Amino acid sequence: MSAAAVARTNPVRAFTKLVVIEHSVFALPFAYLATLTAMYVERPDSGGWVRWWDLLLVTVAMVSGRTFAMAANRIIDRQIDARNPRTAQRELVTGAVSMRTAYVGSAVSLVVFFAAAALLNPLCLVLSPLAVVPMIVYPYGKRFTYYPHAILGLAQAVAPVGAWLAVTGTFEGSGPAWVLGIGVGLWIGGFDLIYACQDVAADRTNGVKSFPAKWGIAASLHTSSVVHVVTFGLFVWFGALTGYGPLWWVGLALAAAAFVYQHVIVRPGDLSKVNRAFFTSNGFVGIALFVFALADLVTR
C-alpha cells in the first residue's frame, strides 16, 4: 500500500501531519507569557493567581488558531508548493492528504477557535474574526506584495495581545501586551526573511513575491538582523513595564545568545543551517523567556 493510501485511512493523523501539529510548541510560550503576566498583574497578592480554566482556553485557542492558519496556508499555496523543489513533497501536493481532509480539518479548527474565544469573554469573541484575517491574507500576500513577511508578523503579534485580553476582558492596561505582541511579530517576521532566502531561485522563476526575491539574500539577512535587534529591545521594554526581576533578565540574556547564534550560522553563501536556526534557535528563544518569566512570577 502506498504512503498516500496509508495516510488516507487515518484522516486525523494525516491532517495533523499536514499542519505539523507538534510545532504548536513554538507558538505557545509567548501566549502563556502574556496570559500568566496578565493574571499576576490582576491579582499579585493572591496565592491562587493562576486561572487554570482561562489558561486551558488560551491553549485551545492558540493551537486551533495556528492549526487553521497552517491548513489555510497549505490549501491556498498548494500550486505554488508544487512548483518549488523544496516544498514539492508537501502532503497536498503529493496527495498524501486529500483536499477534503484539509478543508474539513481547517473548518473544525476554525469553529474550535471561535468557541474558545466565546468561552473566554465577549471581547475575545468580537475580536476573533479580526485575528483570522491575517491568517488568510498571509498566503495570498506573496501574490501581491514583496513583504508578505510583515503580514505573517501581524498574524503572530495577535497571539500575546489576544492572550492578555483573554484574561482581562478589556483594553485598559493592555500596553505591555502590545509591546510584547509587536516584539513577537517582528521576531517571526524577521526569521521569515531568513527562511524565505531558501526559495529565492524558485520564487523568481515562478513569479512569487518575497523580500529576498526582490532585494537578494544578503540584504534580507542584514534586514533580519536589524529587525531582531528591535525585537530584543521590545522584549526588554516588556520586562520593564511588567516589573520582571533578575530571572527574567537571565532568560533574556539567553534569548540574546540564541539570536546571535541564529544570525551567525546562516550566511549569504551558506543557507544549509536555516532549519537548525529555526528548530534550535527560535524554539529556544520562546521557551527560555517563558520558563524564566514563570520562575520569576512563582518566586515573587
C-alpha atoms as a PDB file:
ATOM      1  CA  MET A   1       0.000   0.000   0.000  1.00  0.00           C
ATOM      2  CA  SER A   2       1.320   3.469  -0.906  1.00  0.00           C
ATOM      3  CA  ALA A   3       2.107   6.159   1.647  1.00  0.00           C
ATOM      4  CA  ALA A   4      -0.803   8.195   0.302  1.00  0.00           C
ATOM      5  CA  ALA A   5      -3.224   5.331   0.767  1.00  0.00           C
ATOM      6  CA  VAL A   6      -1.988   4.685   4.315  1.00  0.00           C
ATOM      7  CA  ALA A   7      -2.393   8.364   5.217  1.00  0.00           C
ATOM      8  CA  ARG A   8      -5.938   8.475   3.859  1.00  0.00           C
ATOM      9  CA  THR A   9      -7.012   5.568   6.075  1.00  0.00           C
ATOM     10  CA  ASN A  10      -6.469   7.872   9.065  1.00  0.00           C
ATOM     11  CA  PRO A  11      -7.555  11.397   8.092  1.00  0.00           C
ATOM     12  CA  VAL A  12      -6.982  12.851  11.575  1.00  0.00           C
ATOM     13  CA  ARG A  13      -3.398  11.650  11.650  1.00  0.00           C
ATOM     14  CA  ALA A  14      -2.894  12.821   8.079  1.00  0.00           C
ATOM     15  CA  PHE A  15      -4.232  16.276   8.924  1.00  0.00           C
ATOM     16  CA  THR A  16      -2.005  16.661  11.995  1.00  0.00           C
ATOM     17  CA  LYS A  17       0.956  15.807   9.796  1.00  0.00           C
ATOM     18  CA  LEU A  18      -0.140  18.368   7.218  1.00  0.00           C
ATOM     19  CA  VAL A  19      -0.230  21.198   9.775  1.00  0.00           C
ATOM     20  CA  VAL A  20       2.849  19.927  11.668  1.00  0.00           C
ATOM     21  CA  ILE A  21       0.851  19.976  14.897  1.00  0.00           C
ATOM     22  CA  GLU A  22       3.935  19.451  17.069  1.00  0.00           C
ATOM     23  CA  HIS A  23       5.237  22.877  16.041  1.00  0.00           C
ATOM     24  CA  SER A  24       2.461  24.433  18.142  1.00  0.00           C
ATOM     25  CA  VAL A  25       5.043  24.394  20.921  1.00  0.00           C
ATOM     26  CA  PHE A  26       6.772  27.336  19.225  1.00  0.00           C
ATOM     27  CA  ALA A  27       3.615  29.464  19.300  1.00  0.00           C
ATOM     28  CA  LEU A  28       2.527  28.738  22.867  1.00  0.00           C
ATOM     29  CA  PRO A  29       5.319  30.207  25.066  1.00  0.00           C
ATOM     30  CA  PHE A  30       4.587  33.855  24.285  1.00  0.00           C
ATOM     31  CA  ALA A  31       0.834  33.339  24.621  1.00  0.00           C
ATOM     32  CA  TYR A  32       1.467  31.742  28.012  1.00  0.00           C
ATOM     33  CA  LEU A  33       3.841  34.561  28.914  1.00  0.00           C
ATOM     34  CA  ALA A  34       1.154  37.172  28.230  1.00  0.00           C
ATOM     35  CA  THR A  35      -1.547  35.096  29.922  1.00  0.00           C
ATOM     36  CA  LEU A  36       0.305  34.464  33.182  1.00  0.00           C
ATOM     37  CA  THR A  37       1.671  38.002  33.343  1.00  0.00           C
ATOM     38  CA  ALA A  38      -1.841  39.420  32.986  1.00  0.00           C
ATOM     39  CA  MET A  39      -3.124  37.044  35.672  1.00  0.00           C
ATOM     40  CA  TYR A  40      -0.378  38.079  38.050  1.00  0.00           C
ATOM     41  CA  VAL A  41      -0.824  41.793  37.333  1.00  0.00           C
ATOM     42  CA  GLU A  42      -4.536  41.418  38.097  1.00  0.00           C
ATOM     43  CA  ARG A  43      -4.009  39.574  41.400  1.00  0.00           C
ATOM     44  CA  PRO A  44      -0.381  39.979  42.537  1.00  0.00           C
ATOM     45  CA  ASP A  45      -1.146  39.280  46.206  1.00  0.00           C
ATOM     46  CA  SER A  46      -3.222  36.159  45.611  1.00  0.00           C
ATOM     47  CA  GLY A  47      -1.634  32.755  46.029  1.00  0.00           C
ATOM     48  CA  GLY A  48      -4.176  31.426  43.523  1.00  0.00           C
ATOM     49  CA  TRP A  49      -3.413  33.909  40.784  1.00  0.00           C
ATOM     50  CA  VAL A  50      -3.303  31.242  38.052  1.00  0.00           C
ATOM     51  CA  ARG A  51      -6.749  30.810  36.497  1.00  0.00           C
ATOM     52  CA  TRP A  52      -6.470  27.316  35.063  1.00  0.00           C
ATOM     53  CA  TRP A  53      -9.676  27.384  33.039  1.00  0.00           C
ATOM     54  CA  ASP A  54      -8.584  30.522  31.215  1.00  0.00           C
ATOM     55  CA  LEU A  55      -5.142  29.031  30.644  1.00  0.00           C
ATOM     56  CA  LEU A  56      -6.733  25.931  29.128  1.00  0.00           C
ATOM     57  CA  LEU A  57      -8.943  28.010  26.836  1.00  0.00           C
ATOM     58  CA  VAL A  58      -5.972  30.115  25.712  1.00  0.00           C
ATOM     59  CA  THR A  59      -4.166  26.868  24.876  1.00  0.00           C
ATOM     60  CA  VAL A  60      -7.135  25.595  22.867  1.00  0.00           C
ATOM     61  CA  ALA A  61      -7.486  28.924  21.052  1.00  0.00           C
ATOM     62  CA  MET A  62      -3.777  29.068  20.231  1.00  0.00           C
ATOM     63  CA  VAL A  63      -3.495  25.505  18.943  1.00  0.00           C
ATOM     64  CA  SER A  64      -6.730  25.645  16.949  1.00  0.00           C
ATOM     65  CA  GLY A  65      -5.910  29.078  15.530  1.00  0.00           C
ATOM     66  CA  ARG A  66      -2.440  28.003  14.461  1.00  0.00           C
ATOM     67  CA  THR A  67      -3.845  24.767  13.011  1.00  0.00           C
ATOM     68  CA  PHE A  68      -6.366  26.704  10.916  1.00  0.00           C
ATOM     69  CA  ALA A  69      -3.663  29.095   9.725  1.00  0.00           C
ATOM     70  CA  MET A  70      -1.351  26.249   8.680  1.00  0.00           C
ATOM     71  CA  ALA A  71      -4.148  24.384   6.908  1.00  0.00           C
ATOM     72  CA  ALA A  72      -5.248  27.522   5.059  1.00  0.00           C
ATOM     73  CA  ASN A  73      -1.651  28.189   4.057  1.00  0.00           C
ATOM     74  CA  ARG A  74      -1.203  24.682   2.662  1.00  0.00           C
ATOM     75  CA  ILE A  75      -4.522  24.778   0.804  1.00  0.00           C
ATOM     76  CA  ILE A  76      -4.008  28.208  -0.745  1.00  0.00           C
ATOM     77  CA  ASP A  77      -0.342  27.606  -1.632  1.00  0.00           C
ATOM     78  CA  ARG A  78      -0.587  24.048  -2.953  1.00  0.00           C
ATOM     79  CA  GLN A  79       0.010  25.050  -6.589  1.00  0.00           C
ATOM     80  CA  ILE A  80       2.967  27.266  -5.673  1.00  0.00           C
ATOM     81  CA  ASP A  81       4.341  24.466  -3.495  1.00  0.00           C
ATOM     82  CA  ALA A  82       4.120  22.057  -6.426  1.00  0.00           C
ATOM     83  CA  ARG A  83       6.454  24.265  -8.494  1.00  0.00           C
ATOM     84  CA  ASN A  84       9.076  24.632  -5.759  1.00  0.00           C
ATOM     85  CA  PRO A  85      11.525  21.700  -5.329  1.00  0.00           C
ATOM     86  CA  ARG A  86      11.780  22.390  -1.568  1.00  0.00           C
ATOM     87  CA  THR A  87       8.035  22.120  -0.999  1.00  0.00           C
ATOM     88  CA  ALA A  88       7.014  19.725  -3.781  1.00  0.00           C
ATOM     89  CA  GLN A  89       6.709  16.837  -1.302  1.00  0.00           C
ATOM     90  CA  ARG A  90       4.157  18.521   0.925  1.00  0.00           C
ATOM     91  CA  GLU A  91       1.116  16.387   1.593  1.00  0.00           C
ATOM     92  CA  LEU A  92      -1.464  18.229  -0.512  1.00  0.00           C
ATOM     93  CA  VAL A  93       0.918  18.257  -3.464  1.00  0.00           C
ATOM     94  CA  THR A  94       1.670  14.547  -3.372  1.00  0.00           C
ATOM     95  CA  GLY A  95      -1.863  13.516  -2.479  1.00  0.00           C
ATOM     96  CA  ALA A  96      -0.869  12.026   0.873  1.00  0.00           C
ATOM     97  CA  VAL A  97      -3.609  14.221   2.348  1.00  0.00           C
ATOM     98  CA  SER A  98      -6.838  14.798   0.441  1.00  0.00           C
ATOM     99  CA  MET A  99      -8.298  18.243  -0.137  1.00  0.00           C
ATOM    100  CA  ARG A 100     -11.441  17.110   1.653  1.00  0.00           C
ATOM    101  CA  THR A 101      -9.432  16.255   4.764  1.00  0.00           C
ATOM    102  CA  ALA A 102      -7.676  19.613   4.618  1.00  0.00           C
ATOM    103  CA  TYR A 103     -10.923  21.566   4.250  1.00  0.00           C
ATOM    104  CA  VAL A 104     -12.742  19.657   6.982  1.00  0.00           C
ATOM    105  CA  GLY A 105      -9.775  19.935   9.351  1.00  0.00           C
ATOM    106  CA  SER A 106      -9.431  23.664   8.774  1.00  0.00           C
ATOM    107  CA  ALA A 107     -13.172  24.217   9.277  1.00  0.00           C
ATOM    108  CA  VAL A 108     -13.202  22.260  12.532  1.00  0.00           C
ATOM    109  CA  SER A 109     -10.150  24.162  13.760  1.00  0.00           C
ATOM    110  CA  LEU A 110     -11.823  27.489  12.990  1.00  0.00           C
ATOM    111  CA  VAL A 111     -15.007  26.508  14.839  1.00  0.00           C
ATOM    112  CA  VAL A 112     -12.968  25.419  17.873  1.00  0.00           C
ATOM    113  CA  PHE A 113     -11.063  28.711  17.780  1.00  0.00           C
ATOM    114  CA  PHE A 114     -14.275  30.758  17.797  1.00  0.00           C
ATOM    115  CA  ALA A 115     -15.764  28.560  20.525  1.00  0.00           C
ATOM    116  CA  ALA A 116     -12.712  29.047  22.766  1.00  0.00           C
ATOM    117  CA  ALA A 117     -12.889  32.818  22.196  1.00  0.00           C
ATOM    118  CA  ALA A 118     -16.586  32.819  23.110  1.00  0.00           C
ATOM    119  CA  LEU A 119     -15.922  30.914  26.336  1.00  0.00           C
ATOM    120  CA  LEU A 120     -13.167  33.349  27.336  1.00  0.00           C
ATOM    121  CA  ASN A 121     -15.109  36.627  27.237  1.00  0.00           C
ATOM    122  CA  PRO A 122     -17.263  38.791  24.925  1.00  0.00           C
ATOM    123  CA  LEU A 123     -14.325  40.967  23.813  1.00  0.00           C
ATOM    124  CA  CYS A 124     -12.370  37.942  22.593  1.00  0.00           C
ATOM    125  CA  LEU A 125     -15.402  36.684  20.688  1.00  0.00           C
ATOM    126  CA  VAL A 126     -15.935  40.048  18.969  1.00  0.00           C
ATOM    127  CA  LEU A 127     -12.259  40.346  18.034  1.00  0.00           C
ATOM    128  CA  SER A 128     -11.748  36.712  16.970  1.00  0.00           C
ATOM    129  CA  PRO A 129     -12.736  37.259  13.291  1.00  0.00           C
ATOM    130  CA  LEU A 130     -10.150  40.056  13.093  1.00  0.00           C
ATOM    131  CA  ALA A 131      -7.499  37.651  14.343  1.00  0.00           C
ATOM    132  CA  VAL A 132      -8.346  35.269  11.490  1.00  0.00           C
ATOM    133  CA  VAL A 133      -7.942  37.876   8.733  1.00  0.00           C
ATOM    134  CA  PRO A 134      -4.102  37.968   8.590  1.00  0.00           C
ATOM    135  CA  MET A 135      -4.031  34.157   8.792  1.00  0.00           C
ATOM    136  CA  ILE A 136      -5.898  34.015   5.488  1.00  0.00           C
ATOM    137  CA  VAL A 137      -4.293  37.047   3.861  1.00  0.00           C
ATOM    138  CA  TYR A 138      -0.720  35.872   4.524  1.00  0.00           C
ATOM    139  CA  PRO A 139      -0.575  33.059   1.933  1.00  0.00           C
ATOM    140  CA  TYR A 140      -2.110  35.388  -0.650  1.00  0.00           C
ATOM    141  CA  GLY A 141       0.405  38.090   0.258  1.00  0.00           C
ATOM    142  CA  LYS A 142       3.192  36.637  -1.852  1.00  0.00           C
ATOM    143  CA  ARG A 143       0.965  37.185  -4.879  1.00  0.00           C
ATOM    144  CA  PHE A 144       0.657  40.967  -4.491  1.00  0.00           C
ATOM    145  CA  THR A 145       3.471  42.260  -2.247  1.00  0.00           C
ATOM    146  CA  TYR A 146       7.178  41.690  -1.743  1.00  0.00           C
ATOM    147  CA  TYR A 147       6.579  41.992   2.001  1.00  0.00           C
ATOM    148  CA  PRO A 148       4.346  39.048   2.973  1.00  0.00           C
ATOM    149  CA  HIS A 149       6.648  38.577   5.979  1.00  0.00           C
ATOM    150  CA  ALA A 150       5.035  41.647   7.543  1.00  0.00           C
ATOM    151  CA  ILE A 151       1.601  40.023   7.222  1.00  0.00           C
ATOM    152  CA  LEU A 152       2.923  36.896   8.937  1.00  0.00           C
ATOM    153  CA  GLY A 153       4.349  39.081  11.685  1.00  0.00           C
ATOM    154  CA  LEU A 154       0.939  40.717  12.171  1.00  0.00           C
ATOM    155  CA  ALA A 155      -0.713  37.308  12.447  1.00  0.00           C
ATOM    156  CA  GLN A 156       1.797  36.277  15.117  1.00  0.00           C
ATOM    157  CA  ALA A 157       1.529  39.590  17.000  1.00  0.00           C
ATOM    158  CA  VAL A 158      -2.138  38.874  17.651  1.00  0.00           C
ATOM    159  CA  ALA A 159      -1.373  35.954  19.994  1.00  0.00           C
ATOM    160  CA  PRO A 160       0.139  37.756  23.024  1.00  0.00           C
ATOM    161  CA  VAL A 161      -2.393  40.592  22.765  1.00  0.00           C
ATOM    162  CA  GLY A 162      -5.269  38.136  22.495  1.00  0.00           C
ATOM    163  CA  ALA A 163      -3.971  36.135  25.436  1.00  0.00           C
ATOM    164  CA  TRP A 164      -3.796  39.266  27.605  1.00  0.00           C
ATOM    165  CA  LEU A 165      -7.338  40.286  26.625  1.00  0.00           C
ATOM    166  CA  ALA A 166      -8.494  36.735  27.336  1.00  0.00           C
ATOM    167  CA  VAL A 167      -7.561  37.307  30.969  1.00  0.00           C
ATOM    168  CA  THR A 168      -8.614  40.925  31.437  1.00  0.00           C
ATOM    169  CA  GLY A 169     -11.525  41.279  29.026  1.00  0.00           C
ATOM    170  CA  THR A 170     -10.606  44.923  28.433  1.00  0.00           C
ATOM    171  CA  PHE A 171      -8.102  47.063  26.540  1.00  0.00           C
ATOM    172  CA  GLU A 172      -7.440  49.067  29.688  1.00  0.00           C
ATOM    173  CA  GLY A 173      -3.909  48.442  30.941  1.00  0.00           C
ATOM    174  CA  SER A 174      -3.007  46.276  27.940  1.00  0.00           C
ATOM    175  CA  GLY A 175       0.032  48.345  26.924  1.00  0.00           C
ATOM    176  CA  PRO A 176       2.580  45.643  27.876  1.00  0.00           C
ATOM    177  CA  ALA A 177       0.722  43.120  25.724  1.00  0.00           C
ATOM    178  CA  TRP A 178       1.027  45.359  22.667  1.00  0.00           C
ATOM    179  CA  VAL A 179       4.749  45.794  23.276  1.00  0.00           C
ATOM    180  CA  LEU A 180       5.170  42.023  23.567  1.00  0.00           C
ATOM    181  CA  GLY A 181       2.916  41.409  20.570  1.00  0.00           C
ATOM    182  CA  ILE A 182       4.875  43.762  18.319  1.00  0.00           C
ATOM    183  CA  GLY A 183       8.092  42.137  19.533  1.00  0.00           C
ATOM    184  CA  VAL A 184       6.803  38.661  18.714  1.00  0.00           C
ATOM    185  CA  GLY A 185       5.553  39.830  15.309  1.00  0.00           C
ATOM    186  CA  LEU A 186       8.942  41.312  14.444  1.00  0.00           C
ATOM    187  CA  TRP A 187      10.686  38.188  15.750  1.00  0.00           C
ATOM    188  CA  ILE A 188       8.706  35.872  13.474  1.00  0.00           C
ATOM    189  CA  GLY A 189       8.692  38.283  10.546  1.00  0.00           C
ATOM    190  CA  GLY A 190      12.459  38.698  10.873  1.00  0.00           C
ATOM    191  CA  PHE A 191      13.003  34.980  10.868  1.00  0.00           C
ATOM    192  CA  ASP A 192      10.684  34.554   7.892  1.00  0.00           C
ATOM    193  CA  LEU A 193      13.075  36.806   5.987  1.00  0.00           C
ATOM    194  CA  ILE A 194      15.786  34.235   6.668  1.00  0.00           C
ATOM    195  CA  TYR A 195      13.570  31.256   5.875  1.00  0.00           C
ATOM    196  CA  ALA A 196      12.433  32.757   2.556  1.00  0.00           C
ATOM    197  CA  CYS A 197      16.049  33.008   1.376  1.00  0.00           C
ATOM    198  CA  GLN A 198      15.900  29.280   0.613  1.00  0.00           C
ATOM    199  CA  ASP A 199      13.339  29.902  -2.129  1.00  0.00           C
ATOM    200  CA  VAL A 200      14.845  32.873  -3.973  1.00  0.00           C
ATOM    201  CA  ALA A 201      15.542  30.981  -7.205  1.00  0.00           C
ATOM    202  CA  ALA A 202      12.162  29.233  -7.254  1.00  0.00           C
ATOM    203  CA  ASP A 203      10.289  32.418  -6.333  1.00  0.00           C
ATOM    204  CA  ARG A 204      11.918  34.416  -9.119  1.00  0.00           C
ATOM    205  CA  THR A 205      11.259  31.646 -11.640  1.00  0.00           C
ATOM    206  CA  ASN A 206       7.627  31.231 -10.628  1.00  0.00           C
ATOM    207  CA  GLY A 207       6.817  34.905 -10.081  1.00  0.00           C
ATOM    208  CA  VAL A 208       6.312  34.513  -6.330  1.00  0.00           C
ATOM    209  CA  LYS A 209       6.947  37.723  -4.392  1.00  0.00           C
ATOM    210  CA  SER A 210       9.142  37.940  -1.297  1.00  0.00           C
ATOM    211  CA  PHE A 211      11.671  40.338   0.179  1.00  0.00           C
ATOM    212  CA  PRO A 212      14.632  38.060  -0.697  1.00  0.00           C
ATOM    213  CA  ALA A 213      13.346  37.603  -4.249  1.00  0.00           C
ATOM    214  CA  LYS A 214      13.187  41.388  -4.637  1.00  0.00           C
ATOM    215  CA  TRP A 215      16.295  42.560  -2.765  1.00  0.00           C
ATOM    216  CA  GLY A 216      18.520  39.490  -2.537  1.00  0.00           C
ATOM    217  CA  ILE A 217      19.755  37.185   0.192  1.00  0.00           C
ATOM    218  CA  ALA A 218      22.425  39.456   1.727  1.00  0.00           C
ATOM    219  CA  ALA A 219      20.004  42.376   2.110  1.00  0.00           C
ATOM    220  CA  SER A 220      17.413  40.040   3.642  1.00  0.00           C
ATOM    221  CA  LEU A 221      19.823  38.675   6.238  1.00  0.00           C
ATOM    222  CA  HIS A 222      21.005  42.167   7.174  1.00  0.00           C
ATOM    223  CA  THR A 223      17.421  43.375   7.461  1.00  0.00           C
ATOM    224  CA  SER A 224      16.545  40.393   9.624  1.00  0.00           C
ATOM    225  CA  SER A 225      19.425  41.270  11.968  1.00  0.00           C
ATOM    226  CA  VAL A 226      18.132  44.831  12.365  1.00  0.00           C
ATOM    227  CA  VAL A 227      14.575  43.588  12.949  1.00  0.00           C
ATOM    228  CA  HIS A 228      15.764  41.210  15.652  1.00  0.00           C
ATOM    229  CA  VAL A 229      17.703  43.965  17.415  1.00  0.00           C
ATOM    230  CA  VAL A 230      14.439  45.910  17.612  1.00  0.00           C
ATOM    231  CA  THR A 231      12.698  42.739  18.780  1.00  0.00           C
ATOM    232  CA  PHE A 232      15.150  42.354  21.638  1.00  0.00           C
ATOM    233  CA  GLY A 233      14.607  45.990  22.615  1.00  0.00           C
ATOM    234  CA  LEU A 234      10.851  45.398  22.796  1.00  0.00           C
ATOM    235  CA  PHE A 235      11.359  42.325  24.995  1.00  0.00           C
ATOM    236  CA  VAL A 236      13.476  44.471  27.321  1.00  0.00           C
ATOM    237  CA  TRP A 237      10.717  47.096  27.361  1.00  0.00           C
ATOM    238  CA  PHE A 238       8.070  44.469  28.167  1.00  0.00           C
ATOM    239  CA  GLY A 239      10.101  43.232  31.132  1.00  0.00           C
ATOM    240  CA  ALA A 240      10.490  46.778  32.437  1.00  0.00           C
ATOM    241  CA  LEU A 241       6.782  47.588  32.028  1.00  0.00           C
ATOM    242  CA  THR A 242       5.686  44.480  33.912  1.00  0.00           C
ATOM    243  CA  GLY A 243       8.265  44.660  36.698  1.00  0.00           C
ATOM    244  CA  TYR A 244      10.051  41.410  35.995  1.00  0.00           C
ATOM    245  CA  GLY A 245      13.069  40.683  38.172  1.00  0.00           C
ATOM    246  CA  PRO A 246      16.539  39.120  37.744  1.00  0.00           C
ATOM    247  CA  LEU A 247      15.286  35.765  36.472  1.00  0.00           C
ATOM    248  CA  TRP A 248      13.575  37.422  33.512  1.00  0.00           C
ATOM    249  CA  TRP A 249      16.795  39.182  32.601  1.00  0.00           C
ATOM    250  CA  VAL A 250      18.679  35.877  32.741  1.00  0.00           C
ATOM    251  CA  GLY A 251      16.174  34.417  30.287  1.00  0.00           C
ATOM    252  CA  LEU A 252      16.523  37.482  28.124  1.00  0.00           C
ATOM    253  CA  ALA A 253      20.318  37.118  28.073  1.00  0.00           C
ATOM    254  CA  LEU A 254      19.927  33.520  26.919  1.00  0.00           C
ATOM    255  CA  ALA A 255      17.477  34.645  24.246  1.00  0.00           C
ATOM    256  CA  ALA A 256      20.009  37.238  23.072  1.00  0.00           C
ATOM    257  CA  ALA A 257      22.605  34.487  22.729  1.00  0.00           C
ATOM    258  CA  ALA A 258      20.135  32.463  20.652  1.00  0.00           C
ATOM    259  CA  PHE A 259      19.508  35.448  18.387  1.00  0.00           C
ATOM    260  CA  VAL A 260      23.234  35.887  17.832  1.00  0.00           C
ATOM    261  CA  TYR A 261      23.665  32.157  17.161  1.00  0.00           C
ATOM    262  CA  GLN A 262      20.844  32.240  14.611  1.00  0.00           C
ATOM    263  CA  HIS A 263      22.458  35.049  12.639  1.00  0.00           C
ATOM    264  CA  VAL A 264      25.975  33.646  12.857  1.00  0.00           C
ATOM    265  CA  ILE A 265      25.171  30.212  11.424  1.00  0.00           C
ATOM    266  CA  VAL A 266      23.126  31.495   8.454  1.00  0.00           C
ATOM    267  CA  ARG A 267      25.271  33.335   5.918  1.00  0.00           C
ATOM    268  CA  PRO A 268      24.529  34.641   2.393  1.00  0.00           C
ATOM    269  CA  GLY A 269      26.724  31.941   0.873  1.00  0.00           C
ATOM    270  CA  ASP A 270      25.556  29.130   3.161  1.00  0.00           C
ATOM    271  CA  LEU A 271      21.866  28.552   3.865  1.00  0.00           C
ATOM    272  CA  SER A 272      22.351  24.924   4.897  1.00  0.00           C
ATOM    273  CA  LYS A 273      21.703  25.703   8.570  1.00  0.00           C
ATOM    274  CA  VAL A 274      18.395  27.546   8.169  1.00  0.00           C
ATOM    275  CA  ASN A 275      16.425  24.650   9.636  1.00  0.00           C
ATOM    276  CA  ARG A 276      18.815  24.433  12.579  1.00  0.00           C
ATOM    277  CA  ALA A 277      18.258  28.131  13.196  1.00  0.00           C
ATOM    278  CA  PHE A 278      14.500  27.541  13.172  1.00  0.00           C
ATOM    279  CA  PHE A 279      14.240  24.430  15.320  1.00  0.00           C
ATOM    280  CA  THR A 280      17.085  25.216  17.713  1.00  0.00           C
ATOM    281  CA  SER A 281      17.263  28.974  17.981  1.00  0.00           C
ATOM    282  CA  ASN A 282      13.642  30.015  17.549  1.00  0.00           C
ATOM    283  CA  GLY A 283      12.327  27.258  19.757  1.00  0.00           C
ATOM    284  CA  PHE A 284      14.861  28.121  22.442  1.00  0.00           C
ATOM    285  CA  VAL A 285      14.014  31.853  22.465  1.00  0.00           C
ATOM    286  CA  GLY A 286      10.344  31.335  23.283  1.00  0.00           C
ATOM    287  CA  ILE A 287      10.881  28.543  25.784  1.00  0.00           C
ATOM    288  CA  ALA A 288      13.731  30.300  27.616  1.00  0.00           C
ATOM    289  CA  LEU A 289      11.802  33.535  28.043  1.00  0.00           C
ATOM    290  CA  PHE A 290       8.680  31.738  29.217  1.00  0.00           C
ATOM    291  CA  VAL A 291      10.481  29.438  31.678  1.00  0.00           C
ATOM    292  CA  PHE A 292      12.441  32.249  33.310  1.00  0.00           C
ATOM    293  CA  ALA A 293       9.413  34.549  33.378  1.00  0.00           C
ATOM    294  CA  LEU A 294       7.382  31.804  35.052  1.00  0.00           C
ATOM    295  CA  ALA A 295      10.155  31.227  37.584  1.00  0.00           C
ATOM    296  CA  ASP A 296      10.207  34.971  38.328  1.00  0.00           C
ATOM    297  CA  LEU A 297       6.433  35.056  38.885  1.00  0.00           C
ATOM    298  CA  VAL A 298       6.428  31.963  41.084  1.00  0.00           C
ATOM    299  CA  THR A 299       9.262  33.222  43.307  1.00  0.00           C
ATOM    300  CA  ARG A 300       7.731  36.651  43.987  1.00  0.00           C
END
